[in-house]
Amino acid sequence: MTCEFSYDHYFETVSKFKNGSLFMRHDIDYSFEKAYEMALREHANGIVSIYMVQLHSPFYNPLTQDNLRKLKEMAVYHDLGLHYDTRCTPTANHIYSEMEYLEGQIGCKIKNVSQHDLVMRQNRTYVTGDLFKMSHHYISDSAMHWREGCFCQHTNRWKKIQVLAHPEYWSEHPKKLSGVLAGFLTDDMQRLNEQYNNLHTHLKKYYAEREAELHQKAKEGKTKL
């Protein structure tokens, strides 16, 4: 089995863990679309994970109409948690407020939180919540670099293991980190271009209808005179 960031390798590896020994966690750092894709693929493969959502990400907004719909769909299949950033959420009160806000938006209980960008923070809160009150080993694919080797090397080595896999790194055709980041830029440009084209079409239609309406009113006014 080749160690790579492919969906085939991911699902093949997950299938080799004993029932109850593996806890899959996904921090959504850069791409909400990739997280949504991963959530659907996991559901199709009978996998339940927890997805940690940022409310202040510079790369995505989870509360747009479309993303909120997708979040609610994800909540049917998986657990959701808050992925907080201390630059925006510096205190425990801020964290609880954001948990309650996210609960209100998606309509389900938020029990777990994880801190974003641990390397840059002095106060390191890794993960808290009911689901994390267990003795487990922890490994992560942060920056596409497994510190203790790919998680395929850890199948059934631990009684319980928590694996943090960032959805943006995994795909049908695996790429290096530079290619992954370039793909984000391409996807964002295409998405923005589509949004602006839709806006342009909408505004053209609106002003054409508005002009026709004003013209009709002016015509009716002249007729009455």
C-alpha atoms as a PDB file:
ATOM      1  CA  MET A   1       0.000   0.000   0.000  1.00  0.00           C
ATOM      2  CA  THR A   2       1.575   3.281  -1.151  1.00  0.00           C
ATOM      3  CA  CYS A   3       1.585   6.105   1.390  1.00  0.00           C
ATOM      4  CA  GLU A   4      -0.029   9.037  -0.410  1.00  0.00           C
ATOM      5  CA  PHE A   5      -2.763  11.616   0.095  1.00  0.00           C
ATOM      6  CA  SER A   6      -5.263   9.828  -2.117  1.00  0.00           C
ATOM      7  CA  TYR A   7      -8.834   8.891  -1.278  1.00  0.00           C
ATOM      8  CA  ASP A   8      -8.050   5.273  -2.102  1.00  0.00           C
ATOM      9  CA  HIS A   9      -5.256   5.190   0.459  1.00  0.00           C
ATOM     10  CA  TYR A  10      -7.356   7.027   3.033  1.00  0.00           C
ATOM     11  CA  PHE A  11     -10.352   4.717   2.911  1.00  0.00           C
ATOM     12  CA  GLU A  12      -8.252   1.579   2.602  1.00  0.00           C
ATOM     13  CA  THR A  13      -6.343   2.595   5.734  1.00  0.00           C
ATOM     14  CA  VAL A  14      -9.450   3.496   7.736  1.00  0.00           C
ATOM     15  CA  SER A  15     -10.964   0.115   6.931  1.00  0.00           C
ATOM     16  CA  LYS A  16      -8.004  -1.661   8.575  1.00  0.00           C
ATOM     17  CA  PHE A  17      -8.566  -0.195  12.031  1.00  0.00           C
ATOM     18  CA  LYS A  18     -10.504  -2.264  14.526  1.00  0.00           C
ATOM     19  CA  ASN A  19     -13.987  -1.053  15.415  1.00  0.00           C
ATOM     20  CA  GLY A  20     -13.883   1.566  18.152  1.00  0.00           C
ATOM     21  CA  SER A  21     -10.127   2.115  18.037  1.00  0.00           C
ATOM     22  CA  LEU A  22     -10.035   4.949  15.490  1.00  0.00           C
ATOM     23  CA  PHE A  23     -11.329   8.472  16.008  1.00  0.00           C
ATOM     24  CA  MET A  24     -11.196  10.601  12.832  1.00  0.00           C
ATOM     25  CA  ARG A  25     -11.058  14.374  13.144  1.00  0.00           C
ATOM     26  CA  HIS A  26     -11.001  16.944  10.349  1.00  0.00           C
ATOM     27  CA  ASP A  27     -10.008  20.564  10.985  1.00  0.00           C
ATOM     28  CA  ILE A  28     -11.366  22.719   8.143  1.00  0.00           C
ATOM     29  CA  ASP A  29      -8.501  25.165   7.624  1.00  0.00           C
ATOM     30  CA  TYR A  30      -8.527  26.284   4.002  1.00  0.00           C
ATOM     31  CA  SER A  31     -11.247  24.694   1.898  1.00  0.00           C
ATOM     32  CA  PHE A  32     -14.854  24.206   2.922  1.00  0.00           C
ATOM     33  CA  GLU A  33     -15.623  22.530  -0.412  1.00  0.00           C
ATOM     34  CA  LYS A  34     -13.001  19.836   0.184  1.00  0.00           C
ATOM     35  CA  ALA A  35     -14.400  19.234   3.671  1.00  0.00           C
ATOM     36  CA  TYR A  36     -17.886  18.823   2.247  1.00  0.00           C
ATOM     37  CA  GLU A  37     -16.580  16.407  -0.386  1.00  0.00           C
ATOM     38  CA  MET A  38     -14.738  14.380   2.254  1.00  0.00           C
ATOM     39  CA  ALA A  39     -17.848  14.296   4.460  1.00  0.00           C
ATOM     40  CA  LEU A  40     -19.953  12.861   1.640  1.00  0.00           C
ATOM     41  CA  ARG A  41     -17.305  10.315   0.703  1.00  0.00           C
ATOM     42  CA  GLU A  42     -16.945   9.187   4.307  1.00  0.00           C
ATOM     43  CA  HIS A  43     -20.703   8.828   4.680  1.00  0.00           C
ATOM     44  CA  ALA A  44     -20.806   6.707   1.530  1.00  0.00           C
ATOM     45  CA  ASN A  45     -18.133   4.491   3.098  1.00  0.00           C
ATOM     46  CA  GLY A  46     -19.891   4.217   6.455  1.00  0.00           C
ATOM     47  CA  ILE A  47     -17.427   6.446   8.335  1.00  0.00           C
ATOM     48  CA  VAL A  48     -18.456   8.922  11.029  1.00  0.00           C
ATOM     49  CA  SER A  49     -15.984  11.719  11.813  1.00  0.00           C
ATOM     50  CA  ILE A  50     -15.950  15.087  13.514  1.00  0.00           C
ATOM     51  CA  TYR A  51     -15.487  18.241  11.426  1.00  0.00           C
ATOM     52  CA  MET A  52     -14.097  21.314  13.196  1.00  0.00           C
ATOM     53  CA  VAL A  53     -15.431  24.545  11.671  1.00  0.00           C
ATOM     54  CA  GLN A  54     -13.812  27.993  11.759  1.00  0.00           C
ATOM     55  CA  LEU A  55     -16.017  31.078  12.002  1.00  0.00           C
ATOM     56  CA  HIS A  56     -13.221  33.556  11.222  1.00  0.00           C
ATOM     57  CA  SER A  57     -11.314  31.885   8.423  1.00  0.00           C
ATOM     58  CA  PRO A  58      -9.893  34.211   5.754  1.00  0.00           C
ATOM     59  CA  PHE A  59     -10.348  31.383   3.238  1.00  0.00           C
ATOM     60  CA  TYR A  60     -14.010  30.451   3.584  1.00  0.00           C
ATOM     61  CA  ASN A  61     -17.278  31.573   5.134  1.00  0.00           C
ATOM     62  CA  PRO A  62     -19.240  28.638   6.592  1.00  0.00           C
ATOM     63  CA  LEU A  63     -22.351  30.778   7.025  1.00  0.00           C
ATOM     64  CA  THR A  64     -23.155  31.659   3.432  1.00  0.00           C
ATOM     65  CA  GLN A  65     -26.528  30.328   2.345  1.00  0.00           C
ATOM     66  CA  ASP A  66     -24.977  27.483   0.350  1.00  0.00           C
ATOM     67  CA  ASN A  67     -22.316  26.552   2.926  1.00  0.00           C
ATOM     68  CA  LEU A  68     -24.809  26.631   5.775  1.00  0.00           C
ATOM     69  CA  ARG A  69     -27.010  24.222   3.851  1.00  0.00           C
ATOM     70  CA  LYS A  70     -24.008  21.938   3.381  1.00  0.00           C
ATOM     71  CA  LEU A  71     -23.064  22.224   7.066  1.00  0.00           C
ATOM     72  CA  LYS A  72     -26.538  21.111   8.084  1.00  0.00           C
ATOM     73  CA  GLU A  73     -26.258  18.157   5.716  1.00  0.00           C
ATOM     74  CA  MET A  74     -22.845  17.267   7.160  1.00  0.00           C
ATOM     75  CA  ALA A  75     -24.337  17.397  10.671  1.00  0.00           C
ATOM     76  CA  VAL A  76     -26.745  14.610   9.704  1.00  0.00           C
ATOM     77  CA  TYR A  77     -23.860  12.239   8.933  1.00  0.00           C
ATOM     78  CA  HIS A  78     -21.089  13.481  11.228  1.00  0.00           C
ATOM     79  CA  ASP A  79     -20.355  15.470  14.385  1.00  0.00           C
ATOM     80  CA  LEU A  80     -19.440  19.145  14.130  1.00  0.00           C
ATOM     81  CA  GLY A  81     -17.169  21.162  16.406  1.00  0.00           C
ATOM     82  CA  LEU A  82     -15.679  24.641  16.688  1.00  0.00           C
ATOM     83  CA  HIS A  83     -12.159  25.246  15.375  1.00  0.00           C
ATOM     84  CA  TYR A  84     -11.357  28.495  17.157  1.00  0.00           C
ATOM     85  CA  ASP A  85      -8.552  30.973  16.540  1.00  0.00           C
ATOM     86  CA  THR A  86      -7.231  32.840  19.601  1.00  0.00           C
ATOM     87  CA  ARG A  87      -6.627  35.933  17.485  1.00  0.00           C
ATOM     88  CA  CYS A  88     -10.413  36.231  17.161  1.00  0.00           C
ATOM     89  CA  THR A  89     -11.565  34.120  20.101  1.00  0.00           C
ATOM     90  CA  PRO A  90      -9.097  34.908  22.915  1.00  0.00           C
ATOM     91  CA  THR A  91     -11.043  33.811  26.027  1.00  0.00           C
ATOM     92  CA  ALA A  92     -13.192  30.934  27.225  1.00  0.00           C
ATOM     93  CA  ASN A  93     -16.260  33.198  27.185  1.00  0.00           C
ATOM     94  CA  HIS A  94     -15.625  33.987  23.515  1.00  0.00           C
ATOM     95  CA  ILE A  95     -15.341  30.266  22.767  1.00  0.00           C
ATOM     96  CA  TYR A  96     -18.622  29.437  24.507  1.00  0.00           C
ATOM     97  CA  SER A  97     -20.339  32.315  22.698  1.00  0.00           C
ATOM     98  CA  GLU A  98     -19.141  31.035  19.323  1.00  0.00           C
ATOM     99  CA  MET A  99     -20.210  27.491  20.205  1.00  0.00           C
ATOM    100  CA  GLU A 100     -23.709  28.743  21.017  1.00  0.00           C
ATOM    101  CA  TYR A 101     -23.806  30.837  17.857  1.00  0.00           C
ATOM    102  CA  LEU A 102     -22.778  27.889  15.686  1.00  0.00           C
ATOM    103  CA  GLU A 103     -25.363  25.708  17.414  1.00  0.00           C
ATOM    104  CA  GLY A 104     -28.039  28.254  16.603  1.00  0.00           C
ATOM    105  CA  GLN A 105     -27.012  28.369  12.946  1.00  0.00           C
ATOM    106  CA  ILE A 106     -26.925  24.624  12.273  1.00  0.00           C
ATOM    107  CA  GLY A 107     -29.451  23.425  14.845  1.00  0.00           C
ATOM    108  CA  CYS A 108     -27.328  20.813  16.590  1.00  0.00           C
ATOM    109  CA  LYS A 109     -25.245  20.625  19.757  1.00  0.00           C
ATOM    110  CA  ILE A 110     -21.573  21.623  19.616  1.00  0.00           C
ATOM    111  CA  LYS A 111     -19.683  19.620  22.236  1.00  0.00           C
ATOM    112  CA  ASN A 112     -16.097  19.830  21.003  1.00  0.00           C
ATOM    113  CA  VAL A 113     -13.561  22.514  20.200  1.00  0.00           C
ATOM    114  CA  SER A 114     -10.015  22.520  18.844  1.00  0.00           C
ATOM    115  CA  GLN A 115      -7.535  25.358  18.566  1.00  0.00           C
ATOM    116  CA  HIS A 116      -6.313  26.523  15.174  1.00  0.00           C
ATOM    117  CA  ASP A 117      -2.655  27.249  14.469  1.00  0.00           C
ATOM    118  CA  LEU A 118      -1.191  25.717  17.620  1.00  0.00           C
ATOM    119  CA  VAL A 119       2.417  26.423  16.652  1.00  0.00           C
ATOM    120  CA  MET A 120       1.847  30.182  16.832  1.00  0.00           C
ATOM    121  CA  ARG A 121       0.037  30.126  20.186  1.00  0.00           C
ATOM    122  CA  GLN A 122       1.478  30.071  23.695  1.00  0.00           C
ATOM    123  CA  ASN A 123      -1.673  28.763  25.403  1.00  0.00           C
ATOM    124  CA  ARG A 124      -2.113  25.417  23.702  1.00  0.00           C
ATOM    125  CA  THR A 125      -5.558  23.927  24.085  1.00  0.00           C
ATOM    126  CA  TYR A 126      -5.548  20.868  21.873  1.00  0.00           C
ATOM    127  CA  VAL A 127      -9.046  19.437  21.940  1.00  0.00           C
ATOM    128  CA  THR A 128     -11.764  19.419  24.565  1.00  0.00           C
ATOM    129  CA  GLY A 129     -15.199  17.886  24.744  1.00  0.00           C
ATOM    130  CA  ASP A 130     -17.056  14.740  25.664  1.00  0.00           C
ATOM    131  CA  LEU A 131     -15.816  12.775  22.655  1.00  0.00           C
ATOM    132  CA  PHE A 132     -12.198  13.438  23.576  1.00  0.00           C
ATOM    133  CA  LYS A 133     -12.335  12.199  27.157  1.00  0.00           C
ATOM    134  CA  MET A 134     -10.506   9.009  26.349  1.00  0.00           C
ATOM    135  CA  SER A 135      -7.002   7.617  26.427  1.00  0.00           C
ATOM    136  CA  HIS A 136      -5.733   7.842  22.868  1.00  0.00           C
ATOM    137  CA  HIS A 137      -2.643   8.326  20.791  1.00  0.00           C
ATOM    138  CA  TYR A 138      -2.646  11.376  18.502  1.00  0.00           C
ATOM    139  CA  ILE A 139      -1.187  11.880  15.031  1.00  0.00           C
ATOM    140  CA  SER A 140      -1.743  14.585  12.408  1.00  0.00           C
ATOM    141  CA  ASP A 141      -1.080  15.258   8.735  1.00  0.00           C
ATOM    142  CA  SER A 142      -0.452  18.998   9.343  1.00  0.00           C
ATOM    143  CA  ALA A 143       1.212  20.633   6.316  1.00  0.00           C
ATOM    144  CA  MET A 144       1.068  17.195   4.651  1.00  0.00           C
ATOM    145  CA  HIS A 145       3.767  15.911   6.989  1.00  0.00           C
ATOM    146  CA  TRP A 146       3.056  12.962   9.279  1.00  0.00           C
ATOM    147  CA  ARG A 147       5.331  13.419  12.299  1.00  0.00           C
ATOM    148  CA  GLU A 148       5.200   9.725  13.199  1.00  0.00           C
ATOM    149  CA  GLY A 149       4.695   8.288   9.755  1.00  0.00           C
ATOM    150  CA  CYS A 150       1.489   7.908   7.757  1.00  0.00           C
ATOM    151  CA  PHE A 151      -1.497   6.732   9.751  1.00  0.00           C
ATOM    152  CA  CYS A 152      -1.442   3.513   7.745  1.00  0.00           C
ATOM    153  CA  GLN A 153       1.623   2.617   9.852  1.00  0.00           C
ATOM    154  CA  HIS A 154      -0.456   2.859  13.025  1.00  0.00           C
ATOM    155  CA  THR A 155      -3.271   0.425  12.252  1.00  0.00           C
ATOM    156  CA  ASN A 156      -4.076  -1.502  15.403  1.00  0.00           C
ATOM    157  CA  ARG A 157      -0.893  -0.381  17.201  1.00  0.00           C
ATOM    158  CA  TRP A 158      -2.924   1.555  19.764  1.00  0.00           C
ATOM    159  CA  LYS A 159      -5.969   0.756  21.834  1.00  0.00           C
ATOM    160  CA  LYS A 160      -7.403   4.106  20.746  1.00  0.00           C
ATOM    161  CA  ILE A 161      -5.997   6.630  18.285  1.00  0.00           C
ATOM    162  CA  GLN A 162      -7.128  10.064  17.175  1.00  0.00           C
ATOM    163  CA  VAL A 163      -6.137  10.927  13.599  1.00  0.00           C
ATOM    164  CA  LEU A 164      -6.321  14.529  12.421  1.00  0.00           C
ATOM    165  CA  ALA A 165      -6.658  14.534   8.637  1.00  0.00           C
ATOM    166  CA  HIS A 166      -7.123  17.880   6.890  1.00  0.00           C
ATOM    167  CA  PRO A 167      -9.643  17.353   4.047  1.00  0.00           C
ATOM    168  CA  GLU A 168      -7.910  19.818   1.710  1.00  0.00           C
ATOM    169  CA  TYR A 169      -4.865  17.561   1.344  1.00  0.00           C
ATOM    170  CA  TRP A 170      -6.750  14.484   0.152  1.00  0.00           C
ATOM    171  CA  SER A 171      -7.948  13.905  -3.404  1.00  0.00           C
ATOM    172  CA  GLU A 172      -8.388  11.329  -6.146  1.00  0.00           C
ATOM    173  CA  HIS A 173      -5.072  12.388  -7.678  1.00  0.00           C
ATOM    174  CA  PRO A 174      -2.677  13.371  -4.849  1.00  0.00           C
ATOM    175  CA  LYS A 175      -0.469  16.433  -5.229  1.00  0.00           C
ATOM    176  CA  LYS A 176       2.411  18.015  -3.364  1.00  0.00           C
ATOM    177  CA  LEU A 177       1.641  20.868  -0.971  1.00  0.00           C
ATOM    178  CA  SER A 178       2.512  23.517  -3.580  1.00  0.00           C
ATOM    179  CA  GLY A 179       0.055  21.934  -6.011  1.00  0.00           C
ATOM    180  CA  VAL A 180      -2.655  21.755  -3.356  1.00  0.00           C
ATOM    181  CA  LEU A 181      -2.262  25.462  -2.541  1.00  0.00           C
ATOM    182  CA  ALA A 182      -2.233  26.371  -6.241  1.00  0.00           C
ATOM    183  CA  GLY A 183      -5.450  24.404  -6.629  1.00  0.00           C
ATOM    184  CA  PHE A 184      -7.095  26.481  -3.885  1.00  0.00           C
ATOM    185  CA  LEU A 185      -6.216  29.654  -5.783  1.00  0.00           C
ATOM    186  CA  THR A 186      -7.585  28.293  -9.067  1.00  0.00           C
ATOM    187  CA  ASP A 187     -10.799  27.101  -7.425  1.00  0.00           C
ATOM    188  CA  ASP A 188     -11.295  30.433  -5.632  1.00  0.00           C
ATOM    189  CA  MET A 189     -10.730  32.402  -8.842  1.00  0.00           C
ATOM    190  CA  GLN A 190     -13.261  30.259 -10.705  1.00  0.00           C
ATOM    191  CA  ARG A 191     -15.780  30.603  -7.882  1.00  0.00           C
ATOM    192  CA  LEU A 192     -15.347  34.391  -7.693  1.00  0.00           C
ATOM    193  CA  ASN A 193     -15.557  34.708 -11.464  1.00  0.00           C
ATOM    194  CA  GLU A 194     -18.833  32.773 -11.446  1.00  0.00           C
ATOM    195  CA  GLN A 195     -20.204  34.921  -8.625  1.00  0.00           C
ATOM    196  CA  TYR A 196     -19.336  38.186 -10.394  1.00  0.00           C
ATOM    197  CA  ASN A 197     -20.779  36.916 -13.665  1.00  0.00           C
ATOM    198  CA  ASN A 198     -24.002  36.018 -11.868  1.00  0.00           C
ATOM    199  CA  LEU A 199     -24.046  39.436 -10.225  1.00  0.00           C
ATOM    200  CA  HIS A 200     -23.500  41.160 -13.572  1.00  0.00           C
ATOM    201  CA  THR A 201     -26.333  39.152 -15.156  1.00  0.00           C
ATOM    202  CA  HIS A 202     -28.629  39.955 -12.237  1.00  0.00           C
ATOM    203  CA  LEU A 203     -27.875  43.687 -12.350  1.00  0.00           C
ATOM    204  CA  LYS A 204     -28.352  43.880 -16.120  1.00  0.00           C
ATOM    205  CA  LYS A 205     -31.737  42.203 -15.778  1.00  0.00           C
ATOM    206  CA  TYR A 206     -32.731  44.409 -12.852  1.00  0.00           C
ATOM    207  CA  TYR A 207     -31.863  47.685 -14.554  1.00  0.00           C
ATOM    208  CA  ALA A 208     -33.463  46.587 -17.834  1.00  0.00           C
ATOM    209  CA  GLU A 209     -36.704  45.772 -15.995  1.00  0.00           C
ATOM    210  CA  ARG A 210     -36.460  48.991 -13.995  1.00  0.00           C
ATOM    211  CA  GLU A 211     -35.951  51.060 -17.132  1.00  0.00           C
ATOM    212  CA  ALA A 212     -38.892  49.355 -18.844  1.00  0.00           C
ATOM    213  CA  GLU A 213     -41.059  50.015 -15.781  1.00  0.00           C
ATOM    214  CA  LEU A 214     -40.128  53.719 -15.704  1.00  0.00           C
ATOM    215  CA  HIS A 215     -40.705  53.984 -19.423  1.00  0.00           C
ATOM    216  CA  GLN A 216     -44.142  52.398 -19.055  1.00  0.00           C
ATOM    217  CA  LYS A 217     -45.059  54.767 -16.228  1.00  0.00           C
ATOM    218  CA  ALA A 218     -43.938  57.750 -18.272  1.00  0.00           C
ATOM    219  CA  LYS A 219     -45.992  56.499 -21.228  1.00  0.00           C
ATOM    220  CA  GLU A 220     -49.087  56.058 -19.051  1.00  0.00           C
ATOM    221  CA  GLY A 221     -48.587  59.542 -17.648  1.00  0.00           C
ATOM    222  CA  LYS A 222     -48.490  61.069 -21.127  1.00  0.00           C
ATOM    223  CA  THR A 223     -51.577  59.094 -22.173  1.00  0.00           C
ATOM    224  CA  LYS A 224     -53.563  60.450 -19.218  1.00  0.00           C
ATOM    225  CA  LEU A 225     -52.545  63.985 -20.112  1.00  0.00           C
END
